[in-house]
Each structure stands twice: as C-alpha cells, then as structure tokens.
Amino acid sequence: MSANFVSIQALVQQFFEQHLTVERSASRNTVLAYRDALKLFFAHASSHLGRSPDRLDHSVLDVTLVRSFLDWLGKERANGPRTRNQRLAVIKTFARYVASVAPEHLERCRQIRELLPARFDYPEVSYLEDNEILKLVQASNSRPSSRDRALLLLLYNTGARVQELVDLNIGDVSLDPVPYVVLIGKGRKQRTCPLWTRTIEAIRAWLAERQPEPCSVAALFVNTRGGRLSRSGVADILRRLTNRAKISPHHAPRVTPHVIRHTTAMHLLQSGVDITTIAAWLGHAQLATTHGYVEIDLRMKQAAVALADTLPEINRGSFPTGDLLTWLTNLGRSAIMRRSRSEISAKFRQREVNCT
C-alpha cells in the first residue's frame, strides 16, 4: 500500500506495533505512557474538530491543534509544565515517525517538532530528617500486616523509584547467602543493591506471613485482593504511615515514594558516601542529576559552621550559597572579582550621593 493512502489510524497502529515494540524495543511502561498521551491528544482532537476518533485524518498533525491541546492540559486538567512537556515529547516522537514513513506530511511534522517545551521552576530537593524517617519506621510496627514495614524499609534501603518497587518479583530478592535486590530502572538498566539487616528481617516476616506460592515471577508486594501493588497503593501506604506517625516534614510538603528516594540520597551523602557511589546506588544515568544533593548538603554544613562562634577568626569564611558552579568559578579570584553585582552597584550609588 502506498504511503499516500495510509490513514492516521493505521499509522498509530504501526507506531505502537512496529516502531515502539520492535524497532525501539520499548518497555511496557514506556508503551503505556505513549498510549495514554496519544489517547488524550486524539480525544481532544476529536472534540476540537467535531469528529469521532475513527474519522480523524492527517489534519490532526497540525501545530495549532497541538498548541490548543497543551493549553487544554493546563487549563482543564490542571497539568503542570512537566506533564505537558512529557505529552508534547510523545507527540513529537509520533510526528518524527510519521515523517519517516509518510514524507508527504514532512512539513506538518517539522512544525510540531519545533515546538518548544514549557519552562518550569526547579524546586529544592524534598527529603526527611533522621528523626522523621525513624518515626515512620516505628509507625509501621503497629500494622497488623508486616507488608508496610518491609515496603518502607526496602524503599529507604535502596532509594528505589516507585515503579521499580511495584515491578519487583520474589525472584528479584536474594536473602541467602548474600542479601541483595535486583532493580530494573529507566531504560531497562539493572542495578543490584545490598540489603540491611532490618530490611532482610522485614522481608522475611512479610514473606512468612504471606506464604506465597513458590514462583519467582510472583509480585513481591501485593494489595488486599492479592494483585500486584500499584504506585497509587504505595503512595497511600506512605500517607497512612505519615498520619500514624504524626509528622510534618521540615523539608518536604508531604511524604511520597520519591521523597523517600531523596532521603536515601541525602543520608548516604551525610554519612560520607561519595557522589559517584550514590549515583550508582540510585540508578542515575548522569552524575549531574546527583549534584543537587551536594548543594543542599553544603548549605547545611555552612549553617552548622555559622553556629560555631567559639573561634570566629578561624571559622569565618566564604561558602557556596546557591550556585555551586559560580562559587567554584570565583574561587581563587581577587576580592574585587568576587564581589557581587549588588555590592558594586551599591558602592556606585553611594559615590553618586557623595558627589551630590
């Protein structure tokens, strides 16, 4: 069949069945994320154009329609910039595929691919302090089931992403002779994390209580109906533990699986573990992703030094306050080069006052 006669519906089917699954060998979670994004887009296009989804044509490959979809996500669904950028990335990937197999739509696809992602703020890393994570663990002791304690300790032990946790099978955990867990992260990258003694004890207690069938591919954590625990289920467990522990985190708006992941990183850093090991522990693809924890830790150390006023002549110094790279760049420069723009501007203003 000529590419000129391939419908948009056929292109979508080929995109999932051939391009993503075979050519790119995308994981199941990636395929589902792409599916959800395109479902939303075509539903919006159907409503916007006044046609049923099965009657949509290549006119959906329109940059104006994509812009209206992104606007709809923000206003009607209250999606933030990150979510909208993720949806846009999926549409761009689909447009790239269409351009490769149906070049008559090359210009339409080019305009879509040139859309810029939305800018967004980078909030400070959220994490729990030592006493806060301890209260959470203590709150998990009061549960009639040992599942929540095993789940919390495994999250804190490994710093696993929530999807990595819910994907765990019983066969991914080895308790003898060397206890460890195998996690499959983004891009199917596999990493092995050693387990602490308390984590091992909690997992043993959970497996003994659950008494699962001897199957290595059975889910490690299940819900009350016996099915695999979902991401929302993990979030709900942490929410209940937070309420039971009666904690209000100082450095996080609420306790989520990703906050526990950040907590693991911060506590490893504060314990003296080098940043390269932490990046490998968390499964970061780039070391730059881990640098945010270093900046937070440096500010904490600066605050601690500022409180030590016994020998001000010794402990007085300059420390990175916000931009670590700027501080390192200025390191070793003369005093005049280290002055901030605001300081220099203030001096110039003072000179103008004196002259008048």
Protein backbone atom coordinates (compact mmCIF):
# COMPACT_ATOMS: atom_id res chain seq x y z
CA MET A 1 0.00 0.00 0.00
CA SER A 2 1.32 3.45 -0.88
CA ALA A 3 2.13 5.76 2.00
CA ASN A 4 -0.31 8.28 0.45
CA PHE A 5 -3.22 6.02 1.40
CA VAL A 6 -2.13 5.13 4.93
CA SER A 7 -4.71 6.52 7.36
CA ILE A 8 -3.75 8.20 10.59
CA GLN A 9 -5.30 5.24 12.43
CA ALA A 10 -3.03 2.80 10.56
CA LEU A 11 -0.01 4.99 11.31
CA VAL A 12 -0.84 4.93 15.02
CA GLN A 13 -1.14 1.15 14.95
CA GLN A 14 2.19 0.78 13.12
CA PHE A 15 3.80 3.23 15.54
CA PHE A 16 2.96 1.02 18.51
CA GLU A 17 3.19 -2.46 16.99
CA GLN A 18 6.27 -1.93 14.83
CA HIS A 19 8.21 1.20 15.79
CA LEU A 20 7.98 1.19 19.58
CA THR A 21 7.72 -2.52 20.25
CA VAL A 22 10.04 -3.98 17.59
CA GLU A 23 12.36 -1.26 16.33
CA ARG A 24 12.91 0.58 19.61
CA SER A 25 12.20 -2.38 21.90
CA ALA A 26 10.46 -0.04 24.32
CA SER A 27 9.48 -1.33 27.74
CA ARG A 28 5.87 -1.98 28.69
CA ASN A 29 5.77 1.13 30.89
CA THR A 30 7.05 3.29 28.03
CA VAL A 31 4.43 1.91 25.65
CA LEU A 32 1.69 2.57 28.20
CA ALA A 33 2.90 6.14 28.75
CA TYR A 34 2.87 6.78 24.99
CA ARG A 35 -0.56 5.20 24.71
CA ASP A 36 -2.05 7.42 27.43
CA ALA A 37 -0.57 10.59 25.92
CA LEU A 38 -1.88 9.87 22.41
CA LYS A 39 -5.28 8.83 23.76
CA LEU A 40 -5.61 12.24 25.39
CA PHE A 41 -4.42 14.02 22.26
CA PHE A 42 -6.80 12.23 19.90
CA ALA A 43 -9.70 12.67 22.33
CA HIS A 44 -9.01 16.40 22.37
CA ALA A 45 -8.65 16.47 18.56
CA SER A 46 -11.94 14.61 18.19
CA SER A 47 -13.73 17.16 20.38
CA HIS A 48 -11.95 20.13 18.79
CA LEU A 49 -12.66 19.07 15.19
CA GLY A 50 -16.14 17.71 15.88
CA ARG A 51 -15.41 14.23 14.52
CA SER A 52 -15.41 10.79 16.04
CA PRO A 53 -11.93 9.31 16.61
CA ASP A 54 -12.33 6.77 13.77
CA ARG A 55 -12.94 9.64 11.32
CA LEU A 56 -9.86 11.65 12.19
CA ASP A 57 -7.40 12.20 9.36
CA HIS A 58 -3.96 13.72 8.92
CA SER A 59 -5.34 17.15 9.80
CA VAL A 60 -4.62 16.24 13.43
CA LEU A 61 -0.94 16.77 12.56
CA ASP A 62 -1.39 20.48 12.97
CA VAL A 63 0.81 22.67 15.14
CA THR A 64 -2.15 24.87 16.13
CA LEU A 65 -4.09 21.83 17.30
CA VAL A 66 -1.11 20.63 19.34
CA ARG A 67 -0.82 24.06 20.96
CA SER A 68 -4.51 24.00 21.87
CA PHE A 69 -4.04 20.50 23.33
CA LEU A 70 -1.20 21.72 25.56
CA ASP A 71 -3.30 24.69 26.64
CA TRP A 72 -6.21 22.33 27.38
CA LEU A 73 -3.97 20.16 29.56
CA GLY A 74 -3.01 23.14 31.66
CA LYS A 75 -6.44 24.75 32.00
CA GLU A 76 -8.87 21.83 32.01
CA ARG A 77 -6.76 19.08 33.56
CA ALA A 78 -4.57 21.35 35.73
CA ASN A 79 -1.40 19.61 34.47
CA GLY A 80 1.90 21.25 35.34
CA PRO A 81 4.66 22.13 32.86
CA ARG A 82 6.49 18.83 33.39
CA THR A 83 3.42 16.77 32.49
CA ARG A 84 2.65 18.93 29.48
CA ASN A 85 6.25 18.61 28.30
CA GLN A 86 6.02 14.83 28.61
CA ARG A 87 2.85 14.76 26.48
CA LEU A 88 4.50 17.05 23.92
CA ALA A 89 7.55 14.77 23.76
CA VAL A 90 5.29 11.82 22.88
CA ILE A 91 3.56 13.78 20.11
CA LYS A 92 6.95 14.85 18.74
CA THR A 93 8.13 11.24 18.68
CA PHE A 94 4.98 10.22 16.83
CA ALA A 95 5.44 13.12 14.36
CA ARG A 96 9.04 12.03 13.75
CA TYR A 97 7.82 8.53 12.94
CA VAL A 98 5.08 9.79 10.59
CA ALA A 99 7.63 11.96 8.75
CA SER A 100 9.87 8.93 8.24
CA VAL A 101 7.16 6.70 6.71
CA ALA A 102 4.89 9.32 5.12
CA PRO A 103 7.14 12.11 3.80
CA GLU A 104 4.19 13.99 2.29
CA HIS A 105 3.50 15.14 5.88
CA LEU A 106 7.09 16.24 6.46
CA GLU A 107 6.29 19.97 6.80
CA ARG A 108 3.42 19.36 9.22
CA CYS A 109 5.63 17.16 11.36
CA ARG A 110 8.53 19.62 11.24
CA GLN A 111 6.38 22.39 12.68
CA ILE A 112 5.25 20.15 15.52
CA ARG A 113 8.79 19.04 16.31
CA GLU A 114 9.93 22.67 16.53
CA LEU A 115 7.52 23.45 19.36
CA LEU A 116 9.48 24.47 22.45
CA PRO A 117 8.83 22.79 25.81
CA ALA A 118 7.47 24.91 28.65
CA ARG A 119 9.86 26.33 31.20
CA PHE A 120 9.38 25.40 34.83
CA ASP A 121 10.94 26.02 38.23
CA TYR A 122 13.29 23.50 39.79
CA PRO A 123 12.17 23.11 43.40
CA GLU A 124 14.63 22.27 46.11
CA VAL A 125 15.08 18.58 46.87
CA SER A 126 12.48 17.31 49.37
CA TYR A 127 13.67 14.84 51.98
CA LEU A 128 13.10 13.65 55.55
CA GLU A 129 15.34 14.19 58.53
CA ASP A 130 16.70 11.27 60.57
CA ASN A 131 14.07 11.51 63.30
CA GLU A 132 11.26 11.76 60.74
CA ILE A 133 12.19 8.58 58.87
CA LEU A 134 12.65 6.86 62.24
CA LYS A 135 9.10 7.81 63.29
CA LEU A 136 7.78 6.40 60.01
CA VAL A 137 9.54 3.09 60.61
CA GLN A 138 8.23 2.97 64.16
CA ALA A 139 4.71 3.66 62.89
CA SER A 140 4.97 0.67 60.55
CA ASN A 141 5.44 -1.62 63.58
CA SER A 142 1.84 -1.11 64.68
CA ARG A 143 0.38 -2.54 61.48
CA PRO A 144 -1.32 -5.93 61.74
CA SER A 145 0.44 -6.79 58.46
CA SER A 146 4.22 -6.72 58.06
CA ARG A 147 3.93 -5.62 54.42
CA ASP A 148 4.10 -1.89 55.10
CA ARG A 149 7.23 -2.18 57.21
CA ALA A 150 9.00 -4.30 54.58
CA LEU A 151 7.94 -1.88 51.84
CA LEU A 152 9.11 1.22 53.73
CA LEU A 153 12.46 -0.26 54.73
CA LEU A 154 13.10 -1.52 51.20
CA LEU A 155 12.29 1.91 49.76
CA TYR A 156 14.63 3.63 52.22
CA ASN A 157 17.34 0.97 51.88
CA THR A 158 17.54 1.06 48.09
CA GLY A 159 16.23 4.52 47.17
CA ALA A 160 14.15 2.76 44.52
CA ARG A 161 11.73 4.58 42.25
CA VAL A 162 8.12 3.64 42.96
CA GLN A 163 7.77 1.88 39.59
CA GLU A 164 10.91 -0.15 40.33
CA LEU A 165 9.36 -1.18 43.65
CA VAL A 166 5.98 -2.30 42.31
CA ASP A 167 7.68 -4.22 39.48
CA LEU A 168 9.70 -6.31 41.95
CA ASN A 169 9.11 -10.04 41.94
CA ILE A 170 10.01 -12.51 44.66
CA GLY A 171 12.83 -13.83 42.49
CA ASP A 172 14.44 -10.38 42.39
CA VAL A 173 15.26 -10.61 46.11
CA SER A 174 18.05 -12.86 47.37
CA LEU A 175 18.26 -13.31 51.14
CA ASP A 176 20.92 -16.05 51.24
CA PRO A 177 23.85 -16.21 51.31
CA VAL A 178 24.45 -12.58 50.28
CA PRO A 179 21.28 -10.49 50.68
CA TYR A 180 20.57 -8.15 47.78
CA VAL A 181 17.78 -6.98 45.47
CA VAL A 182 17.92 -6.53 41.70
CA LEU A 183 16.14 -3.40 40.42
CA ILE A 184 15.26 -2.64 36.80
CA GLY A 185 15.29 1.12 36.28
CA LYS A 186 14.73 3.52 33.41
CA GLY A 187 15.95 2.28 30.06
CA ARG A 188 15.94 -1.28 31.50
CA LYS A 189 19.14 -0.53 33.36
CA GLN A 190 19.73 -3.16 36.00
CA ARG A 191 21.40 -2.45 39.32
CA THR A 192 21.99 -4.51 42.44
CA CYS A 193 21.55 -3.06 45.93
CA PRO A 194 22.71 -4.76 49.14
CA LEU A 195 20.14 -5.11 51.90
CA TRP A 196 20.47 -4.05 55.51
CA THR A 197 19.76 -6.44 58.37
CA ARG A 198 16.49 -4.76 59.35
CA THR A 199 15.30 -4.82 55.74
CA ILE A 200 16.08 -8.54 55.49
CA GLU A 201 14.17 -9.26 58.70
CA ALA A 202 11.17 -7.26 57.50
CA ILE A 203 11.08 -9.02 54.11
CA ARG A 204 11.37 -12.44 55.76
CA ALA A 205 8.47 -11.57 58.09
CA TRP A 206 6.33 -10.40 55.17
CA LEU A 207 7.03 -13.49 53.07
CA ALA A 208 6.34 -15.76 56.06
CA GLU A 209 3.03 -14.00 56.66
CA ARG A 210 2.03 -14.00 53.03
CA GLN A 211 3.16 -17.59 52.33
CA PRO A 212 3.36 -17.09 48.56
CA GLU A 213 3.46 -19.89 46.04
CA PRO A 214 7.00 -20.94 45.09
CA CYS A 215 7.09 -18.79 41.95
CA SER A 216 9.96 -16.41 41.23
CA VAL A 217 7.84 -14.18 38.99
CA ALA A 218 5.14 -13.60 41.62
CA ALA A 219 4.85 -9.99 42.81
CA LEU A 220 6.81 -9.20 45.96
CA PHE A 221 4.22 -6.71 47.25
CA VAL A 222 0.51 -7.34 46.76
CA ASN A 223 -2.66 -5.49 47.73
CA THR A 224 -5.52 -6.80 49.86
CA ARG A 225 -7.01 -8.57 46.82
CA GLY A 226 -3.81 -10.44 46.10
CA GLY A 227 -2.92 -8.43 42.99
CA ARG A 228 0.31 -6.57 42.39
CA LEU A 229 0.53 -3.38 44.43
CA SER A 230 0.15 -0.23 42.32
CA ARG A 231 2.02 3.07 42.50
CA SER A 232 -1.03 4.76 44.00
CA GLY A 233 -1.20 1.94 46.52
CA VAL A 234 2.38 2.64 47.65
CA ALA A 235 1.58 6.36 47.95
CA ASP A 236 -1.49 5.55 50.04
CA ILE A 237 0.56 3.35 52.39
CA LEU A 238 3.05 6.18 52.97
CA ARG A 239 0.20 8.63 53.53
CA ARG A 240 -1.32 6.41 56.21
CA LEU A 241 2.05 5.86 57.87
CA THR A 242 2.64 9.62 57.91
CA ASN A 243 -0.70 10.20 59.62
CA ARG A 244 0.00 7.46 62.13
CA ALA A 245 3.47 8.82 62.87
CA LYS A 246 2.05 12.36 63.21
CA ILE A 247 4.97 14.00 61.45
CA SER A 248 5.08 17.24 59.48
CA PRO A 249 8.26 17.07 57.37
CA HIS A 250 10.50 20.13 57.63
CA HIS A 251 11.96 19.73 54.13
CA ALA A 252 9.01 18.26 52.20
CA PRO A 253 5.36 19.22 51.68
CA ARG A 254 4.32 15.57 52.16
CA VAL A 255 5.81 12.08 52.27
CA THR A 256 5.84 10.39 48.86
CA PRO A 257 7.86 7.49 47.42
CA HIS A 258 10.16 9.97 45.67
CA VAL A 259 10.73 11.87 48.93
CA ILE A 260 11.93 8.59 50.46
CA ARG A 261 14.28 8.21 47.47
CA HIS A 262 15.67 11.72 48.07
CA THR A 263 16.01 10.89 51.77
CA THR A 264 18.16 7.87 50.98
CA ALA A 265 20.46 10.01 48.84
CA MET A 266 20.78 12.76 51.45
CA HIS A 267 21.50 10.36 54.29
CA LEU A 268 24.11 8.50 52.23
CA LEU A 269 25.79 11.81 51.40
CA GLN A 270 25.73 12.94 55.03
CA SER A 271 27.27 9.60 56.02
CA GLY A 272 30.30 10.31 53.82
CA VAL A 273 29.43 8.16 50.80
CA ASP A 274 30.96 9.64 47.63
CA ILE A 275 28.68 11.09 44.98
CA THR A 276 29.65 8.52 42.32
CA THR A 277 28.53 5.66 44.55
CA ILE A 278 25.26 7.45 45.33
CA ALA A 279 24.58 7.96 41.61
CA ALA A 280 25.11 4.23 41.01
CA TRP A 281 23.01 3.36 44.08
CA LEU A 282 20.06 5.40 42.81
CA GLY A 283 20.48 4.41 39.17
CA HIS A 284 21.11 7.94 37.87
CA ALA A 285 22.05 7.96 34.20
CA GLN A 286 24.06 11.17 34.62
CA LEU A 287 26.18 12.27 37.54
CA ALA A 288 24.79 15.81 37.19
CA THR A 289 21.45 14.52 38.48
CA THR A 290 23.09 13.73 41.81
CA HIS A 291 24.75 17.14 42.20
CA GLY A 292 21.59 18.70 43.65
CA TYR A 293 22.08 16.71 46.85
CA VAL A 294 25.64 18.02 47.18
CA GLU A 295 24.47 21.64 47.02
CA ILE A 296 21.85 21.02 49.72
CA ASP A 297 24.44 19.31 51.94
CA LEU A 298 26.92 22.18 51.50
CA ARG A 299 24.32 24.69 52.64
CA MET A 300 23.58 22.56 55.70
CA LYS A 301 27.29 22.45 56.56
CA GLN A 302 27.54 26.20 56.06
CA ALA A 303 24.69 26.74 58.52
CA ALA A 304 26.40 24.46 61.03
CA VAL A 305 29.67 26.37 60.71
CA ALA A 306 27.84 29.67 61.13
CA LEU A 307 26.54 28.47 64.51
CA ALA A 308 30.05 27.68 65.73
CA ASP A 309 31.11 31.05 67.18
CA THR A 310 33.81 29.88 69.57
CA LEU A 311 36.68 30.86 67.27
CA PRO A 312 35.31 33.35 64.77
CA GLU A 313 38.77 34.13 63.41
CA ILE A 314 39.09 30.51 62.28
CA ASN A 315 35.60 29.51 61.20
CA ARG A 316 34.87 32.69 59.26
CA GLY A 317 34.84 32.07 55.51
CA SER A 318 33.00 32.13 52.23
CA PHE A 319 30.73 29.21 51.31
CA PRO A 320 28.51 28.40 48.32
CA THR A 321 25.04 29.77 48.95
CA GLY A 322 23.04 28.96 45.86
CA ASP A 323 25.05 28.43 42.70
CA LEU A 324 27.84 25.94 43.35
CA LEU A 325 29.43 26.42 39.93
CA THR A 326 29.53 30.21 40.36
CA TRP A 327 31.21 29.83 43.74
CA LEU A 328 33.80 27.44 42.29
CA THR A 329 34.40 29.80 39.37
CA ASN A 330 35.07 32.69 41.74
CA LEU A 331 37.34 30.57 43.93
CA GLY A 332 40.87 31.96 43.77
CA ARG A 333 39.92 35.25 42.18
CA SER A 334 40.80 38.57 43.72
CA ALA A 335 38.45 40.21 46.20
CA ILE A 336 37.16 42.70 43.65
CA MET A 337 36.29 39.86 41.27
CA ARG A 338 34.35 38.07 43.99
CA ARG A 339 32.07 41.00 44.74
CA SER A 340 28.51 40.56 43.68
CA ARG A 341 26.89 42.93 41.26
CA SER A 342 24.63 44.25 44.01
CA GLU A 343 27.64 45.18 46.17
CA ILE A 344 29.37 47.02 43.34
CA SER A 345 26.14 48.79 42.35
CA ALA A 346 25.62 49.90 45.96
CA LYS A 347 29.10 51.40 46.06
CA PHE A 348 28.48 53.27 42.84
CA ARG A 349 25.20 54.63 44.20
CA GLN A 350 26.98 55.77 47.38
CA ARG A 351 29.56 57.57 45.30
CA GLU A 352 26.79 59.41 43.43
CA VAL A 353 25.28 60.51 46.75
CA ASN A 354 28.65 61.74 48.00
CA CYS A 355 29.23 63.69 44.79
CA THR A 356 25.91 65.49 45.09
